[in-house]
């Protein structure tokens, strides 16, 4: 089966679906709050669904900015 990576976002549902493999999902498993992994009949990962995606992405970007800021301060102090 051909592998593919597609990312779709639905603003109405505030859900992001990341397709990692062609094919239809057969079942899903919520591995963390709001994160559902969808598998095919061969137990291969097909999609990752993220609910409340805008909140998760915003929190991730904030954390990345904080980490980057801290690294820059440490690099400047090391000079």
PDB file of N, CA and C in Angstrom:
ATOM      1  N   UNK A   1       0.833  -1.179   0.000  1.00  0.00           N
ATOM      2  CA  UNK A   1       0.000   0.000   0.000  1.00  0.00           C
ATOM      3  C   UNK A   1       0.883   1.250   0.000  1.00  0.00           C
ATOM      4  N   UNK A   2       0.530   2.227  -0.774  1.00  0.00           N
ATOM      5  CA  UNK A   2       1.290   3.460  -0.882  1.00  0.00           C
ATOM      6  C   UNK A   2       1.135   4.292   0.403  1.00  0.00           C
ATOM      7  N   UNK A   3       2.273   4.749   0.922  1.00  0.00           N
ATOM      8  CA  UNK A   3       2.230   5.621   2.094  1.00  0.00           C
ATOM      9  C   UNK A   3       2.052   7.051   1.627  1.00  0.00           C
ATOM     10  N   UNK A   4       1.342   7.835   2.436  1.00  0.00           N
ATOM     11  CA  UNK A   4       1.126   9.228   2.100  1.00  0.00           C
ATOM     12  C   UNK A   4       1.007  10.020   3.386  1.00  0.00           C
ATOM     13  N   UNK A   5       1.274  11.299   3.312  1.00  0.00           N
ATOM     14  CA  UNK A   5       1.108  12.168   4.468  1.00  0.00           C
ATOM     15  C   UNK A   5       0.272  13.356   4.022  1.00  0.00           C
ATOM     16  N   UNK A   6      -0.897  13.455   4.614  1.00  0.00           N
ATOM     17  CA  UNK A   6      -1.804  14.566   4.325  1.00  0.00           C
ATOM     18  C   UNK A   6      -2.295  15.115   5.653  1.00  0.00           C
ATOM     19  N   UNK A   7      -2.436  16.421   5.717  1.00  0.00           N
ATOM     20  CA  UNK A   7      -2.969  17.055   6.911  1.00  0.00           C
ATOM     21  C   UNK A   7      -4.193  17.856   6.511  1.00  0.00           C
ATOM     22  N   UNK A   8      -5.299  17.583   7.192  1.00  0.00           N
ATOM     23  CA  UNK A   8      -6.544  18.307   6.943  1.00  0.00           C
ATOM     24  C   UNK A   8      -7.009  18.917   8.257  1.00  0.00           C
ATOM     25  N   UNK A   9      -7.559  20.113   8.165  1.00  0.00           N
ATOM     26  CA  UNK A   9      -8.090  20.774   9.353  1.00  0.00           C
ATOM     27  C   UNK A   9      -9.521  21.199   9.075  1.00  0.00           C
ATOM     28  N   UNK A  10     -10.409  20.913  10.016  1.00  0.00           N
ATOM     29  CA  UNK A  10     -11.805  21.315   9.908  1.00  0.00           C
ATOM     30  C   UNK A  10     -12.077  22.373  10.971  1.00  0.00           C
ATOM     31  N   UNK A  11     -12.196  23.649  10.567  1.00  0.00           N
ATOM     32  CA  UNK A  11     -12.447  24.692  11.559  1.00  0.00           C
ATOM     33  C   UNK A  11     -13.788  24.524  12.267  1.00  0.00           C
ATOM     34  N   UNK A  12     -14.789  23.996  11.571  1.00  0.00           N
ATOM     35  CA  UNK A  12     -16.099  23.787  12.194  1.00  0.00           C
ATOM     36  C   UNK A  12     -16.009  22.829  13.380  1.00  0.00           C
ATOM     37  N   UNK A  13     -15.223  21.770  13.229  1.00  0.00           N
ATOM     38  CA  UNK A  13     -15.076  20.765  14.285  1.00  0.00           C
ATOM     39  C   UNK A  13     -13.847  21.012  15.144  1.00  0.00           C
ATOM     40  N   UNK A  14     -12.984  21.953  14.718  1.00  0.00           N
ATOM     41  CA  UNK A  14     -11.683  22.204  15.357  1.00  0.00           C
ATOM     42  C   UNK A  14     -10.930  20.884  15.517  1.00  0.00           C
ATOM     43  N   UNK A  15     -10.875  20.146  14.413  1.00  0.00           N
ATOM     44  CA  UNK A  15     -10.214  18.842  14.399  1.00  0.00           C
ATOM     45  C   UNK A  15      -9.199  18.791  13.263  1.00  0.00           C
ATOM     46  N   UNK A  16      -8.062  18.178  13.559  1.00  0.00           N
ATOM     47  CA  UNK A  16      -7.018  17.979  12.558  1.00  0.00           C
ATOM     48  C   UNK A  16      -6.880  16.475  12.337  1.00  0.00           C
ATOM     49  N   UNK A  17      -6.813  16.074  11.078  1.00  0.00           N
ATOM     50  CA  UNK A  17      -6.611  14.673  10.738  1.00  0.00           C
ATOM     51  C   UNK A  17      -5.336  14.577   9.914  1.00  0.00           C
ATOM     52  N   UNK A  18      -4.412  13.775  10.405  1.00  0.00           N
ATOM     53  CA  UNK A  18      -3.146  13.533   9.705  1.00  0.00           C
ATOM     54  C   UNK A  18      -3.218  12.121   9.145  1.00  0.00           C
ATOM     55  N   UNK A  19      -3.236  12.020   7.824  1.00  0.00           N
ATOM     56  CA  UNK A  19      -3.280  10.721   7.151  1.00  0.00           C
ATOM     57  C   UNK A  19      -1.850  10.279   6.900  1.00  0.00           C
ATOM     58  N   UNK A  20      -1.501   9.099   7.389  1.00  0.00           N
ATOM     59  CA  UNK A  20      -0.134   8.599   7.232  1.00  0.00           C
ATOM     60  C   UNK A  20      -0.041   7.412   6.287  1.00  0.00           C
ATOM     61  N   UNK A  21      -1.192   6.843   5.926  1.00  0.00           N
ATOM     62  CA  UNK A  21      -1.201   5.683   5.035  1.00  0.00           C
ATOM     63  C   UNK A  21      -2.516   5.685   4.265  1.00  0.00           C
ATOM     64  N   UNK A  22      -2.455   5.317   3.006  1.00  0.00           N
ATOM     65  CA  UNK A  22      -3.668   5.220   2.202  1.00  0.00           C
ATOM     66  C   UNK A  22      -4.548   4.093   2.738  1.00  0.00           C
ATOM     67  N   UNK A  23      -5.821   4.266   2.597  1.00  0.00           N
ATOM     68  CA  UNK A  23      -6.755   3.237   3.027  1.00  0.00           C
ATOM     69  C   UNK A  23      -7.746   3.765   4.046  1.00  0.00           C
ATOM     70  N   UNK A  24      -8.729   2.934   4.324  1.00  0.00           N
ATOM     71  CA  UNK A  24      -9.785   3.326   5.258  1.00  0.00           C
ATOM     72  C   UNK A  24      -9.470   2.794   6.650  1.00  0.00           C
ATOM     73  N   UNK A  25      -9.682   3.646   7.664  1.00  0.00           N
ATOM     74  CA  UNK A  25      -9.509   3.142   9.019  1.00  0.00           C
ATOM     75  C   UNK A  25     -10.625   2.174   9.387  1.00  0.00           C
ATOM     76  N   UNK A  26     -10.287   1.178  10.172  1.00  0.00           N
ATOM     77  CA  UNK A  26     -11.254   0.181  10.622  1.00  0.00           C
ATOM     78  C   UNK A  26     -11.696   0.437  12.061  1.00  0.00           C
ATOM     79  N   UNK A  27     -10.773   0.955  12.876  1.00  0.00           N
ATOM     80  CA  UNK A  27     -11.106   1.250  14.267  1.00  0.00           C
ATOM     81  C   UNK A  27     -10.144   2.303  14.802  1.00  0.00           C
ATOM     82  N   UNK A  28     -10.493   2.893  15.929  1.00  0.00           N
ATOM     83  CA  UNK A  28      -9.659   3.920  16.529  1.00  0.00           C
ATOM     84  C   UNK A  28      -9.433   3.663  18.004  1.00  0.00           C
ATOM     85  N   UNK A  29      -8.363   4.267  18.522  1.00  0.00           N
ATOM     86  CA  UNK A  29      -7.999   4.119  19.924  1.00  0.00           C
ATOM     87  C   UNK A  29      -7.570   5.486  20.442  1.00  0.00           C
ATOM     88  N   UNK A  30      -8.266   6.002  21.462  1.00  0.00           N
ATOM     89  CA  UNK A  30      -7.895   7.298  22.038  1.00  0.00           C
ATOM     90  C   UNK A  30      -6.708   7.078  22.969  1.00  0.00           C
ATOM     91  N   UNK A  31      -5.535   7.536  22.556  1.00  0.00           N
ATOM     92  CA  UNK A  31      -4.297   7.280  23.295  1.00  0.00           C
ATOM     93  C   UNK A  31      -3.980   8.374  24.301  1.00  0.00           C
ATOM     94  N   UNK A  32      -4.564   9.531  24.124  1.00  0.00           N
ATOM     95  CA  UNK A  32      -4.440  10.661  25.041  1.00  0.00           C
ATOM     96  C   UNK A  32      -5.717  11.467  24.870  1.00  0.00           C
ATOM     97  N   UNK A  33      -6.046  12.312  25.841  1.00  0.00           N
ATOM     98  CA  UNK A  33      -7.273  13.098  25.690  1.00  0.00           C
ATOM     99  C   UNK A  33      -7.282  13.891  24.382  1.00  0.00           C
ATOM    100  N   UNK A  34      -8.253  13.608  23.531  1.00  0.00           N
ATOM    101  CA  UNK A  34      -8.389  14.321  22.268  1.00  0.00           C
ATOM    102  C   UNK A  34      -7.488  13.851  21.152  1.00  0.00           C
ATOM    103  N   UNK A  35      -6.731  12.772  21.354  1.00  0.00           N
ATOM    104  CA  UNK A  35      -5.860  12.230  20.302  1.00  0.00           C
ATOM    105  C   UNK A  35      -6.290  10.796  20.023  1.00  0.00           C
ATOM    106  N   UNK A  36      -6.770  10.576  18.807  1.00  0.00           N
ATOM    107  CA  UNK A  36      -7.287   9.261  18.426  1.00  0.00           C
ATOM    108  C   UNK A  36      -6.444   8.718  17.271  1.00  0.00           C
ATOM    109  N   UNK A  37      -5.910   7.528  17.475  1.00  0.00           N
ATOM    110  CA  UNK A  37      -5.159   6.851  16.424  1.00  0.00           C
ATOM    111  C   UNK A  37      -6.104   5.879  15.730  1.00  0.00           C
ATOM    112  N   UNK A  38      -6.172   5.966  14.403  1.00  0.00           N
ATOM    113  CA  UNK A  38      -7.061   5.106  13.614  1.00  0.00           C
ATOM    114  C   UNK A  38      -6.219   4.079  12.858  1.00  0.00           C
ATOM    115  N   UNK A  39      -6.628   2.821  12.933  1.00  0.00           N
ATOM    116  CA  UNK A  39      -5.893   1.711  12.330  1.00  0.00           C
ATOM    117  C   UNK A  39      -6.752   0.985  11.300  1.00  0.00           C
ATOM    118  N   UNK A  40      -6.094   0.313  10.355  1.00  0.00           N
ATOM    119  CA  UNK A  40      -6.816  -0.516   9.393  1.00  0.00           C
ATOM    120  C   UNK A  40      -6.947  -1.937   9.939  1.00  0.00           C
ATOM    121  N   UNK A  41      -7.499  -2.836   9.157  1.00  0.00           N
ATOM    122  CA  UNK A  41      -7.712  -4.218   9.601  1.00  0.00           C
ATOM    123  C   UNK A  41      -6.405  -4.962   9.862  1.00  0.00           C
ATOM    124  N   UNK A  42      -5.298  -4.474   9.297  1.00  0.00           N
ATOM    125  CA  UNK A  42      -3.987  -5.096   9.515  1.00  0.00           C
ATOM    126  C   UNK A  42      -3.265  -4.487  10.719  1.00  0.00           C
ATOM    127  N   UNK A  43      -3.975  -3.667  11.493  1.00  0.00           N
ATOM    128  CA  UNK A  43      -3.421  -2.970  12.659  1.00  0.00           C
ATOM    129  C   UNK A  43      -2.316  -1.983  12.290  1.00  0.00           C
ATOM    130  N   UNK A  44      -2.382  -1.445  11.063  1.00  0.00           N
ATOM    131  CA  UNK A  44      -1.433  -0.426  10.628  1.00  0.00           C
ATOM    132  C   UNK A  44      -2.056   0.950  10.873  1.00  0.00           C
ATOM    133  N   UNK A  45      -1.265   1.881  11.364  1.00  0.00           N
ATOM    134  CA  UNK A  45      -1.749   3.236  11.596  1.00  0.00           C
ATOM    135  C   UNK A  45      -2.118   3.890  10.270  1.00  0.00           C
ATOM    136  N   UNK A  46      -3.327   4.420  10.194  1.00  0.00           N
ATOM    137  CA  UNK A  46      -3.823   5.057   8.980  1.00  0.00           C
ATOM    138  C   UNK A  46      -3.948   6.570   9.184  1.00  0.00           C
ATOM    139  N   UNK A  47      -4.536   6.971  10.325  1.00  0.00           N
ATOM    140  CA  UNK A  47      -4.774   8.396  10.588  1.00  0.00           C
ATOM    141  C   UNK A  47      -4.541   8.722  12.060  1.00  0.00           C
ATOM    142  N   UNK A  48      -4.174   9.957  12.288  1.00  0.00           N
ATOM    143  CA  UNK A  48      -4.109  10.520  13.634  1.00  0.00           C
ATOM    144  C   UNK A  48      -5.118  11.654  13.661  1.00  0.00           C
ATOM    145  N   UNK A  49      -6.061  11.582  14.564  1.00  0.00           N
ATOM    146  CA  UNK A  49      -7.084  12.618  14.684  1.00  0.00           C
ATOM    147  C   UNK A  49      -6.840  13.389  15.976  1.00  0.00           C
ATOM    148  N   UNK A  50      -6.809  14.712  15.871  1.00  0.00           N
ATOM    149  CA  UNK A  50      -6.582  15.574  17.028  1.00  0.00           C
ATOM    150  C   UNK A  50      -7.796  16.477  17.194  1.00  0.00           C
ATOM    151  N   UNK A  51      -8.502  16.292  18.308  1.00  0.00           N
ATOM    152  CA  UNK A  51      -9.667  17.113  18.613  1.00  0.00           C
ATOM    153  C   UNK A  51      -9.204  18.358  19.363  1.00  0.00           C
ATOM    154  N   UNK A  52      -9.970  19.442  19.291  1.00  0.00           N
ATOM    155  CA  UNK A  52      -9.559  20.731  19.880  1.00  0.00           C
ATOM    156  C   UNK A  52      -8.156  21.100  19.397  1.00  0.00           C
ATOM    157  N   UNK A  53      -7.953  20.961  18.105  1.00  0.00           N
ATOM    158  CA  UNK A  53      -6.628  21.118  17.502  1.00  0.00           C
ATOM    159  C   UNK A  53      -6.056  22.516  17.688  1.00  0.00           C
ATOM    160  N   UNK A  54      -6.877  23.552  17.592  1.00  0.00           N
ATOM    161  CA  UNK A  54      -6.338  24.912  17.713  1.00  0.00           C
ATOM    162  C   UNK A  54      -5.743  25.136  19.094  1.00  0.00           C
ATOM    163  N   UNK A  55      -6.356  24.564  20.112  1.00  0.00           N
ATOM    164  CA  UNK A  55      -5.834  24.687  21.479  1.00  0.00           C
ATOM    165  C   UNK A  55      -4.494  23.962  21.612  1.00  0.00           C
ATOM    166  N   UNK A  56      -4.421  22.751  21.080  1.00  0.00           N
ATOM    167  CA  UNK A  56      -3.185  21.979  21.157  1.00  0.00           C
ATOM    168  C   UNK A  56      -2.059  22.649  20.384  1.00  0.00           C
ATOM    169  N   UNK A  57      -2.348  23.111  19.181  1.00  0.00           N
ATOM    170  CA  UNK A  57      -1.322  23.761  18.365  1.00  0.00           C
ATOM    171  C   UNK A  57      -0.849  25.055  19.032  1.00  0.00           C
ATOM    172  N   UNK A  58      -1.772  25.842  19.576  1.00  0.00           N
ATOM    173  CA  UNK A  58      -1.396  27.081  20.263  1.00  0.00           C
ATOM    174  C   UNK A  58      -0.498  26.794  21.457  1.00  0.00           C
ATOM    175  N   UNK A  59      -0.847  25.789  22.247  1.00  0.00           N
ATOM    176  CA  UNK A  59      -0.038  25.428  23.413  1.00  0.00           C
ATOM    177  C   UNK A  59       1.344  24.948  22.984  1.00  0.00           C
ATOM    178  N   UNK A  60       1.407  24.192  21.903  1.00  0.00           N
ATOM    179  CA  UNK A  60       2.688  23.693  21.401  1.00  0.00           C
ATOM    180  C   UNK A  60       3.569  24.838  20.921  1.00  0.00           C
ATOM    181  N   UNK A  61       2.992  25.782  20.191  1.00  0.00           N
ATOM    182  CA  UNK A  61       3.758  26.929  19.693  1.00  0.00           C
ATOM    183  C   UNK A  61       4.256  27.780  20.863  1.00  0.00           C
ATOM    184  N   UNK A  62       3.406  27.993  21.872  1.00  0.00           N
ATOM    185  CA  UNK A  62       3.835  28.749  23.059  1.00  0.00           C
ATOM    186  C   UNK A  62       5.011  28.069  23.746  1.00  0.00           C
ATOM    187  N   UNK A  63       4.947  26.758  23.881  1.00  0.00           N
ATOM    188  CA  UNK A  63       6.032  26.009  24.540  1.00  0.00           C
ATOM    189  C   UNK A  63       7.311  26.073  23.709  1.00  0.00           C
ATOM    190  N   UNK A  64       7.185  25.991  22.387  1.00  0.00           N
ATOM    191  CA  UNK A  64       8.357  26.097  21.515  1.00  0.00           C
ATOM    192  C   UNK A  64       8.995  27.475  21.644  1.00  0.00           C
ATOM    193  N   UNK A  65       8.176  28.518  21.711  1.00  0.00           N
ATOM    194  CA  UNK A  65       8.699  29.880  21.854  1.00  0.00           C
ATOM    195  C   UNK A  65       9.413  30.035  23.188  1.00  0.00           C
ATOM    196  N   UNK A  66       8.848  29.494  24.250  1.00  0.00           N
ATOM    197  CA  UNK A  66       9.463  29.565  25.577  1.00  0.00           C
ATOM    198  C   UNK A  66      10.818  28.858  25.587  1.00  0.00           C
ATOM    199  N   UNK A  67      10.862  27.651  25.018  1.00  0.00           N
ATOM    200  CA  UNK A  67      12.099  26.879  24.971  1.00  0.00           C
ATOM    201  C   UNK A  67      13.167  27.593  24.151  1.00  0.00           C
ATOM    202  N   UNK A  68      12.771  28.173  23.025  1.00  0.00           N
ATOM    203  CA  UNK A  68      13.701  28.908  22.174  1.00  0.00           C
ATOM    204  C   UNK A  68      14.246  30.136  22.899  1.00  0.00           C
ATOM    205  N   UNK A  69      13.351  30.863  23.573  1.00  0.00           N
ATOM    206  CA  UNK A  69      13.761  32.044  24.338  1.00  0.00           C
ATOM    207  C   UNK A  69      14.777  31.665  25.415  1.00  0.00           C
ATOM    208  N   UNK A  70      14.507  30.587  26.144  1.00  0.00           N
ATOM    209  CA  UNK A  70      15.419  30.127  27.191  1.00  0.00           C
ATOM    210  C   UNK A  70      16.773  29.733  26.614  1.00  0.00           C
ATOM    211  N   UNK A  71      16.769  29.066  25.471  1.00  0.00           N
ATOM    212  CA  UNK A  71      18.029  28.661  24.832  1.00  0.00           C
ATOM    213  C   UNK A  71      18.828  29.871  24.392  1.00  0.00           C
ATOM    214  N   UNK A  72      18.155  30.897  23.878  1.00  0.00           N
ATOM    215  CA  UNK A  72      18.858  32.113  23.453  1.00  0.00           C
ATOM    216  C   UNK A  72      19.453  32.847  24.656  1.00  0.00           C
ATOM    217  N   UNK A  73      18.736  32.905  25.760  1.00  0.00           N
ATOM    218  CA  UNK A  73      19.258  33.552  26.966  1.00  0.00           C
ATOM    219  C   UNK A  73      20.477  32.792  27.482  1.00  0.00           C
ATOM    220  N   UNK A  74      20.418  31.474  27.484  1.00  0.00           N
ATOM    221  CA  UNK A  74      21.556  30.680  27.928  1.00  0.00           C
ATOM    222  C   UNK A  74      22.763  30.845  27.008  1.00  0.00           C
ATOM    223  N   UNK A  75      22.517  30.900  25.706  1.00  0.00           N
ATOM    224  CA  UNK A  75      23.614  31.085  24.750  1.00  0.00           C
ATOM    225  C   UNK A  75      24.258  32.454  24.921  1.00  0.00           C
ATOM    226  N   UNK A  76      23.438  33.462  25.162  1.00  0.00           N
ATOM    227  CA  UNK A  76      23.979  34.810  25.363  1.00  0.00           C
ATOM    228  C   UNK A  76      24.786  34.877  26.648  1.00  0.00           C
ATOM    229  N   UNK A  77      24.328  34.227  27.691  1.00  0.00           N
ATOM    230  CA  UNK A  77      25.029  34.230  28.989  1.00  0.00           C
ATOM    231  C   UNK A  77      26.351  33.470  28.894  1.00  0.00           C
ATOM    232  N   UNK A  78      26.436  32.492  27.998  1.00  0.00           N
ATOM    233  CA  UNK A  78      27.651  31.690  27.853  1.00  0.00           C
ATOM    234  C   UNK A  78      28.748  32.412  27.093  1.00  0.00           C
ATOM    235  N   UNK A  79      28.412  33.514  26.452  1.00  0.00           N
ATOM    236  CA  UNK A  79      29.425  34.251  25.660  1.00  0.00           C
ATOM    237  C   UNK A  79      30.401  34.938  26.513  1.00  0.00           C
TER     238      UNK A  79
END
